[in-house]
Amino acid sequence: VQLQASGGGLVQRGESLKLSCQLTERGFESFAFGWFRQAPGKEREFVASITWISITVYADSVKGRFTISRDNTKNTVYLQMNSLLTEDTAVYYCAANRAVVPKSGDEEYDYWGQGTLVTVSS
């Protein structure tokens, strides 16, 4: 199982960015996905998750600004990030598991992508 994350970049505070994560595995529709991030000098933290039936959960810090979604026809999960803040600067990772309920712990995910860097400048 391989996850390929993309879409990171440099944006200014208040702007938007959309991350993508493609799964190279059959049965995409049966996987649940999570987005995590790790800022410099900090531990990796949960951002958002989506189950196979599109139940979503968000960290309080991104609620109302970020949206996780999935397109089963493209084997891709997305993270739309709006109203970005400088504290959103981090390497963003997508992860996958086969859980049927939303998971927010990184130890609960079995597969990880390589990470994509998001930098928000002021």
N, C-alpha and C. Protein backbone atom coordinates (compact mmCIF):
# COMPACT_ATOMS: atom_id res chain seq x y z
N VAL A 1 0.85 -1.18 0.00
CA VAL A 1 0.00 0.00 0.00
C VAL A 1 0.89 1.24 0.00
N GLN A 2 0.66 2.11 -0.97
CA GLN A 2 1.45 3.34 -1.03
C GLN A 2 0.53 4.54 -1.07
N LEU A 3 0.92 5.57 -0.34
CA LEU A 3 0.19 6.82 -0.32
C LEU A 3 1.10 7.92 -0.86
N GLN A 4 0.58 8.68 -1.79
CA GLN A 4 1.37 9.75 -2.41
C GLN A 4 0.69 11.08 -2.13
N ALA A 5 1.32 11.89 -1.26
CA ALA A 5 0.76 13.19 -0.92
C ALA A 5 1.37 14.27 -1.79
N SER A 6 0.57 15.27 -2.11
CA SER A 6 1.04 16.38 -2.92
C SER A 6 0.20 17.62 -2.64
N GLY A 7 0.68 18.75 -3.17
CA GLY A 7 -0.10 19.98 -3.06
C GLY A 7 0.45 21.01 -2.10
N GLY A 8 1.49 20.68 -1.37
CA GLY A 8 2.07 21.64 -0.45
C GLY A 8 2.73 22.79 -1.18
N GLY A 9 3.04 23.83 -0.43
CA GLY A 9 3.69 24.98 -1.02
C GLY A 9 3.77 26.13 -0.06
N LEU A 10 4.16 27.29 -0.59
CA LEU A 10 4.29 28.52 0.19
C LEU A 10 3.12 29.44 -0.13
N VAL A 11 2.38 29.83 0.91
CA VAL A 11 1.26 30.74 0.74
C VAL A 11 1.33 31.80 1.84
N GLN A 12 0.55 32.85 1.64
CA GLN A 12 0.47 33.90 2.66
C GLN A 12 -0.69 33.64 3.61
N ARG A 13 -0.59 34.21 4.76
CA ARG A 13 -1.65 34.09 5.76
C ARG A 13 -2.98 34.51 5.16
N GLY A 14 -4.01 33.71 5.41
CA GLY A 14 -5.33 34.00 4.89
C GLY A 14 -5.65 33.32 3.58
N GLU A 15 -4.64 32.81 2.90
CA GLU A 15 -4.86 32.16 1.62
C GLU A 15 -5.26 30.69 1.81
N SER A 16 -5.48 30.03 0.68
CA SER A 16 -5.95 28.64 0.70
C SER A 16 -4.97 27.72 -0.02
N LEU A 17 -5.08 26.46 0.31
CA LEU A 17 -4.26 25.44 -0.33
C LEU A 17 -5.02 24.13 -0.25
N LYS A 18 -4.87 23.29 -1.26
CA LYS A 18 -5.56 22.00 -1.26
C LYS A 18 -4.53 20.89 -1.41
N LEU A 19 -4.49 20.01 -0.44
CA LEU A 19 -3.60 18.86 -0.48
C LEU A 19 -4.35 17.65 -1.04
N SER A 20 -3.59 16.81 -1.72
CA SER A 20 -4.15 15.57 -2.26
C SER A 20 -3.32 14.39 -1.78
N CYS A 21 -3.96 13.27 -1.68
CA CYS A 21 -3.27 12.04 -1.29
C CYS A 21 -3.88 10.89 -2.07
N GLN A 22 -3.07 10.27 -2.90
CA GLN A 22 -3.56 9.18 -3.74
C GLN A 22 -3.08 7.84 -3.20
N LEU A 23 -3.99 6.90 -3.17
CA LEU A 23 -3.69 5.56 -2.70
C LEU A 23 -3.49 4.63 -3.89
N THR A 24 -2.36 3.94 -3.91
CA THR A 24 -2.09 3.00 -4.99
C THR A 24 -2.39 1.59 -4.49
N GLU A 25 -3.65 1.32 -4.38
CA GLU A 25 -4.08 0.02 -3.84
C GLU A 25 -5.53 -0.19 -4.24
N ARG A 26 -5.86 -1.43 -4.54
CA ARG A 26 -7.26 -1.75 -4.83
C ARG A 26 -8.08 -1.63 -3.56
N GLY A 27 -9.32 -1.34 -3.75
CA GLY A 27 -10.21 -1.27 -2.61
C GLY A 27 -10.16 0.05 -1.86
N PHE A 28 -9.84 1.11 -2.60
CA PHE A 28 -9.75 2.44 -1.97
C PHE A 28 -10.97 2.75 -1.12
N GLU A 29 -12.14 2.36 -1.61
CA GLU A 29 -13.39 2.74 -0.95
C GLU A 29 -13.53 2.12 0.43
N SER A 30 -12.73 1.11 0.74
CA SER A 30 -12.83 0.47 2.05
C SER A 30 -11.87 1.06 3.08
N PHE A 31 -11.01 1.97 2.65
CA PHE A 31 -10.05 2.59 3.55
C PHE A 31 -10.61 3.86 4.19
N ALA A 32 -10.15 4.10 5.41
CA ALA A 32 -10.33 5.39 6.07
C ALA A 32 -9.00 6.13 6.01
N PHE A 33 -9.08 7.45 6.06
CA PHE A 33 -7.88 8.26 5.89
C PHE A 33 -7.79 9.34 6.96
N GLY A 34 -6.57 9.70 7.24
CA GLY A 34 -6.33 10.81 8.16
C GLY A 34 -5.25 11.72 7.63
N TRP A 35 -5.33 12.97 8.01
CA TRP A 35 -4.26 13.92 7.76
C TRP A 35 -3.66 14.30 9.11
N PHE A 36 -2.34 14.30 9.16
CA PHE A 36 -1.60 14.71 10.34
C PHE A 36 -0.59 15.76 9.90
N ARG A 37 -0.04 16.47 10.88
CA ARG A 37 1.00 17.44 10.53
C ARG A 37 2.04 17.49 11.64
N GLN A 38 3.23 17.89 11.23
CA GLN A 38 4.31 18.03 12.19
C GLN A 38 5.05 19.33 11.91
N ALA A 39 4.95 20.24 12.85
CA ALA A 39 5.65 21.52 12.75
C ALA A 39 7.07 21.36 13.27
N PRO A 40 7.98 22.23 12.87
CA PRO A 40 9.37 22.13 13.34
C PRO A 40 9.44 22.16 14.86
N GLY A 41 10.13 21.18 15.41
CA GLY A 41 10.32 21.13 16.84
C GLY A 41 9.14 20.63 17.64
N LYS A 42 8.09 20.20 16.94
CA LYS A 42 6.88 19.73 17.63
C LYS A 42 6.57 18.29 17.25
N GLU A 43 5.72 17.68 18.04
CA GLU A 43 5.29 16.32 17.73
C GLU A 43 4.21 16.35 16.65
N ARG A 44 4.10 15.23 15.98
CA ARG A 44 3.07 15.10 14.96
C ARG A 44 1.69 15.16 15.62
N GLU A 45 0.77 15.86 14.97
CA GLU A 45 -0.57 16.01 15.54
C GLU A 45 -1.64 15.71 14.51
N PHE A 46 -2.77 15.29 15.01
CA PHE A 46 -3.92 14.97 14.18
C PHE A 46 -4.53 16.25 13.61
N VAL A 47 -4.97 16.15 12.35
CA VAL A 47 -5.64 17.28 11.70
C VAL A 47 -7.09 16.93 11.37
N ALA A 48 -7.28 15.84 10.64
CA ALA A 48 -8.64 15.48 10.21
C ALA A 48 -8.65 14.02 9.78
N SER A 49 -9.84 13.43 9.81
CA SER A 49 -9.99 12.06 9.33
C SER A 49 -11.32 11.89 8.64
N ILE A 50 -11.39 10.88 7.78
CA ILE A 50 -12.62 10.57 7.05
C ILE A 50 -12.75 9.07 6.94
N THR A 51 -13.91 8.55 7.25
CA THR A 51 -14.12 7.10 7.16
C THR A 51 -14.56 6.71 5.76
N TRP A 52 -14.78 5.42 5.58
CA TRP A 52 -15.16 4.92 4.25
C TRP A 52 -16.54 5.41 3.84
N ILE A 53 -17.38 5.80 4.82
CA ILE A 53 -18.69 6.35 4.48
C ILE A 53 -18.71 7.86 4.72
N SER A 54 -17.49 8.45 4.71
CA SER A 54 -17.32 9.90 4.75
C SER A 54 -17.77 10.58 6.05
N ILE A 55 -17.68 9.85 7.14
CA ILE A 55 -17.81 10.50 8.45
C ILE A 55 -16.50 11.23 8.71
N THR A 56 -16.58 12.48 9.09
CA THR A 56 -15.37 13.28 9.26
C THR A 56 -15.20 13.76 10.70
N VAL A 57 -13.94 13.92 11.08
CA VAL A 57 -13.58 14.44 12.40
C VAL A 57 -12.43 15.42 12.19
N TYR A 58 -12.45 16.51 12.96
CA TYR A 58 -11.42 17.54 12.82
C TYR A 58 -10.82 17.89 14.18
N ALA A 59 -9.57 18.28 14.14
CA ALA A 59 -8.95 18.87 15.31
C ALA A 59 -9.58 20.24 15.55
N ASP A 60 -9.68 20.63 16.79
CA ASP A 60 -10.29 21.92 17.11
C ASP A 60 -9.58 23.08 16.43
N SER A 61 -8.28 22.94 16.26
CA SER A 61 -7.48 24.03 15.71
C SER A 61 -7.78 24.31 14.24
N VAL A 62 -8.40 23.36 13.55
CA VAL A 62 -8.66 23.54 12.11
C VAL A 62 -10.15 23.52 11.79
N LYS A 63 -10.97 23.24 12.78
CA LYS A 63 -12.41 23.14 12.55
C LYS A 63 -12.95 24.45 11.98
N GLY A 64 -13.73 24.33 10.91
CA GLY A 64 -14.28 25.52 10.27
C GLY A 64 -13.38 26.12 9.21
N ARG A 65 -12.13 25.70 9.17
CA ARG A 65 -11.19 26.22 8.15
C ARG A 65 -10.77 25.13 7.17
N PHE A 66 -10.63 23.91 7.65
CA PHE A 66 -10.16 22.81 6.80
C PHE A 66 -11.32 21.86 6.51
N THR A 67 -11.27 21.25 5.34
CA THR A 67 -12.27 20.25 4.96
C THR A 67 -11.58 19.04 4.35
N ILE A 68 -11.86 17.89 4.92
CA ILE A 68 -11.34 16.64 4.35
C ILE A 68 -12.44 16.02 3.51
N SER A 69 -12.05 15.47 2.36
CA SER A 69 -13.02 14.84 1.48
C SER A 69 -12.33 13.71 0.73
N ARG A 70 -13.13 12.90 0.05
CA ARG A 70 -12.57 11.80 -0.71
C ARG A 70 -13.31 11.65 -2.03
N ASP A 71 -12.58 11.17 -3.03
CA ASP A 71 -13.16 10.86 -4.33
C ASP A 71 -12.79 9.43 -4.65
N ASN A 72 -13.75 8.53 -4.48
CA ASN A 72 -13.47 7.11 -4.69
C ASN A 72 -13.20 6.78 -6.15
N THR A 73 -13.62 7.65 -7.07
CA THR A 73 -13.36 7.38 -8.49
C THR A 73 -11.93 7.71 -8.87
N LYS A 74 -11.26 8.50 -8.02
CA LYS A 74 -9.88 8.91 -8.31
C LYS A 74 -8.89 8.35 -7.30
N ASN A 75 -9.37 7.50 -6.38
CA ASN A 75 -8.50 6.93 -5.34
C ASN A 75 -7.75 8.02 -4.58
N THR A 76 -8.43 9.13 -4.32
CA THR A 76 -7.76 10.29 -3.76
C THR A 76 -8.56 10.87 -2.59
N VAL A 77 -7.84 11.29 -1.57
CA VAL A 77 -8.41 12.02 -0.46
C VAL A 77 -7.80 13.41 -0.46
N TYR A 78 -8.60 14.40 -0.08
CA TYR A 78 -8.18 15.79 -0.15
C TYR A 78 -8.24 16.46 1.22
N LEU A 79 -7.45 17.51 1.36
CA LEU A 79 -7.55 18.39 2.51
C LEU A 79 -7.56 19.82 1.99
N GLN A 80 -8.74 20.42 1.99
CA GLN A 80 -8.88 21.81 1.59
C GLN A 80 -8.62 22.68 2.80
N MET A 81 -7.64 23.56 2.69
CA MET A 81 -7.23 24.40 3.81
C MET A 81 -7.49 25.85 3.46
N ASN A 82 -8.40 26.48 4.18
CA ASN A 82 -8.73 27.88 3.96
C ASN A 82 -8.29 28.72 5.16
N SER A 83 -8.22 30.01 4.95
CA SER A 83 -7.86 30.95 6.03
C SER A 83 -6.63 30.47 6.78
N LEU A 84 -5.61 30.15 6.02
CA LEU A 84 -4.40 29.59 6.63
C LEU A 84 -3.72 30.59 7.57
N LEU A 85 -3.18 30.04 8.64
CA LEU A 85 -2.46 30.82 9.65
C LEU A 85 -1.00 30.41 9.65
N THR A 86 -0.15 31.26 10.18
CA THR A 86 1.27 30.92 10.23
C THR A 86 1.49 29.65 11.05
N GLU A 87 0.64 29.43 12.04
CA GLU A 87 0.80 28.23 12.86
C GLU A 87 0.36 26.95 12.17
N ASP A 88 -0.17 27.07 10.96
CA ASP A 88 -0.48 25.89 10.15
C ASP A 88 0.75 25.38 9.41
N THR A 89 1.84 26.11 9.47
CA THR A 89 3.08 25.69 8.82
C THR A 89 3.55 24.36 9.40
N ALA A 90 3.74 23.38 8.52
CA ALA A 90 4.12 22.04 8.97
C ALA A 90 4.30 21.14 7.75
N VAL A 91 4.87 19.99 8.00
CA VAL A 91 4.83 18.92 7.01
C VAL A 91 3.53 18.15 7.25
N TYR A 92 2.74 18.00 6.21
CA TYR A 92 1.46 17.33 6.30
C TYR A 92 1.58 15.91 5.75
N TYR A 93 1.05 14.97 6.52
CA TYR A 93 1.10 13.56 6.15
C TYR A 93 -0.31 13.01 6.00
N CYS A 94 -0.49 12.18 5.00
CA CYS A 94 -1.74 11.43 4.93
C CYS A 94 -1.47 10.00 5.40
N ALA A 95 -2.49 9.40 5.95
CA ALA A 95 -2.37 8.06 6.49
C ALA A 95 -3.66 7.31 6.22
N ALA A 96 -3.58 5.98 6.26
CA ALA A 96 -4.74 5.17 5.95
C ALA A 96 -4.84 3.98 6.90
N ASN A 97 -6.07 3.56 7.11
CA ASN A 97 -6.33 2.31 7.85
C ASN A 97 -7.66 1.74 7.35
N ARG A 98 -8.07 0.68 7.95
CA ARG A 98 -9.33 0.05 7.54
C ARG A 98 -10.36 0.12 8.67
N ALA A 99 -10.20 1.10 9.54
CA ALA A 99 -11.14 1.26 10.64
C ALA A 99 -12.49 1.74 10.14
N VAL A 100 -13.54 1.37 10.84
CA VAL A 100 -14.88 1.78 10.43
C VAL A 100 -15.36 3.01 11.20
N VAL A 101 -14.61 3.40 12.23
CA VAL A 101 -14.94 4.62 12.96
C VAL A 101 -13.76 5.57 12.84
N PRO A 102 -14.01 6.87 12.98
CA PRO A 102 -12.91 7.83 12.82
C PRO A 102 -11.83 7.64 13.87
N LYS A 103 -10.57 7.77 13.46
CA LYS A 103 -9.44 7.61 14.36
C LYS A 103 -8.59 8.87 14.32
N SER A 104 -8.09 9.29 15.49
CA SER A 104 -7.27 10.49 15.56
C SER A 104 -5.87 10.24 16.10
N GLY A 105 -5.58 9.01 16.47
CA GLY A 105 -4.24 8.70 16.96
C GLY A 105 -3.36 8.17 15.84
N ASP A 106 -2.14 8.68 15.78
CA ASP A 106 -1.30 8.23 14.66
C ASP A 106 -0.95 6.76 14.77
N GLU A 107 -0.99 6.21 15.98
CA GLU A 107 -0.71 4.78 16.15
C GLU A 107 -1.84 3.91 15.61
N GLU A 108 -2.95 4.52 15.27
CA GLU A 108 -4.10 3.79 14.76
C GLU A 108 -4.12 3.71 13.24
N TYR A 109 -3.09 4.22 12.61
CA TYR A 109 -3.00 4.18 11.16
C TYR A 109 -1.87 3.24 10.74
N ASP A 110 -2.13 2.49 9.69
CA ASP A 110 -1.20 1.46 9.26
C ASP A 110 -0.29 1.89 8.12
N TYR A 111 -0.76 2.81 7.32
CA TYR A 111 -0.03 3.21 6.12
C TYR A 111 0.14 4.72 6.11
N TRP A 112 1.33 5.16 5.67
CA TRP A 112 1.67 6.58 5.69
C TRP A 112 2.27 7.02 4.38
N GLY A 113 1.93 8.24 3.98
CA GLY A 113 2.57 8.87 2.84
C GLY A 113 3.85 9.56 3.27
N GLN A 114 4.51 10.20 2.30
CA GLN A 114 5.84 10.75 2.54
C GLN A 114 5.82 12.16 3.11
N GLY A 115 4.70 12.83 3.12
CA GLY A 115 4.62 14.19 3.65
C GLY A 115 4.80 15.24 2.59
N THR A 116 4.10 16.35 2.78
CA THR A 116 4.23 17.49 1.87
C THR A 116 4.27 18.74 2.73
N LEU A 117 5.20 19.65 2.40
CA LEU A 117 5.45 20.81 3.24
C LEU A 117 4.51 21.96 2.91
N VAL A 118 3.88 22.49 3.93
CA VAL A 118 3.05 23.68 3.81
C VAL A 118 3.69 24.78 4.64
N THR A 119 3.97 25.90 4.00
CA THR A 119 4.56 27.03 4.68
C THR A 119 3.64 28.23 4.51
N VAL A 120 3.23 28.80 5.64
CA VAL A 120 2.36 29.96 5.62
C VAL A 120 3.16 31.16 6.14
N SER A 121 3.31 32.14 5.30
CA SER A 121 4.07 33.33 5.69
C SER A 121 3.13 34.45 6.13
N SER A 122 3.67 35.33 6.93
CA SER A 122 2.86 36.45 7.41
C SER A 122 3.07 37.69 6.55
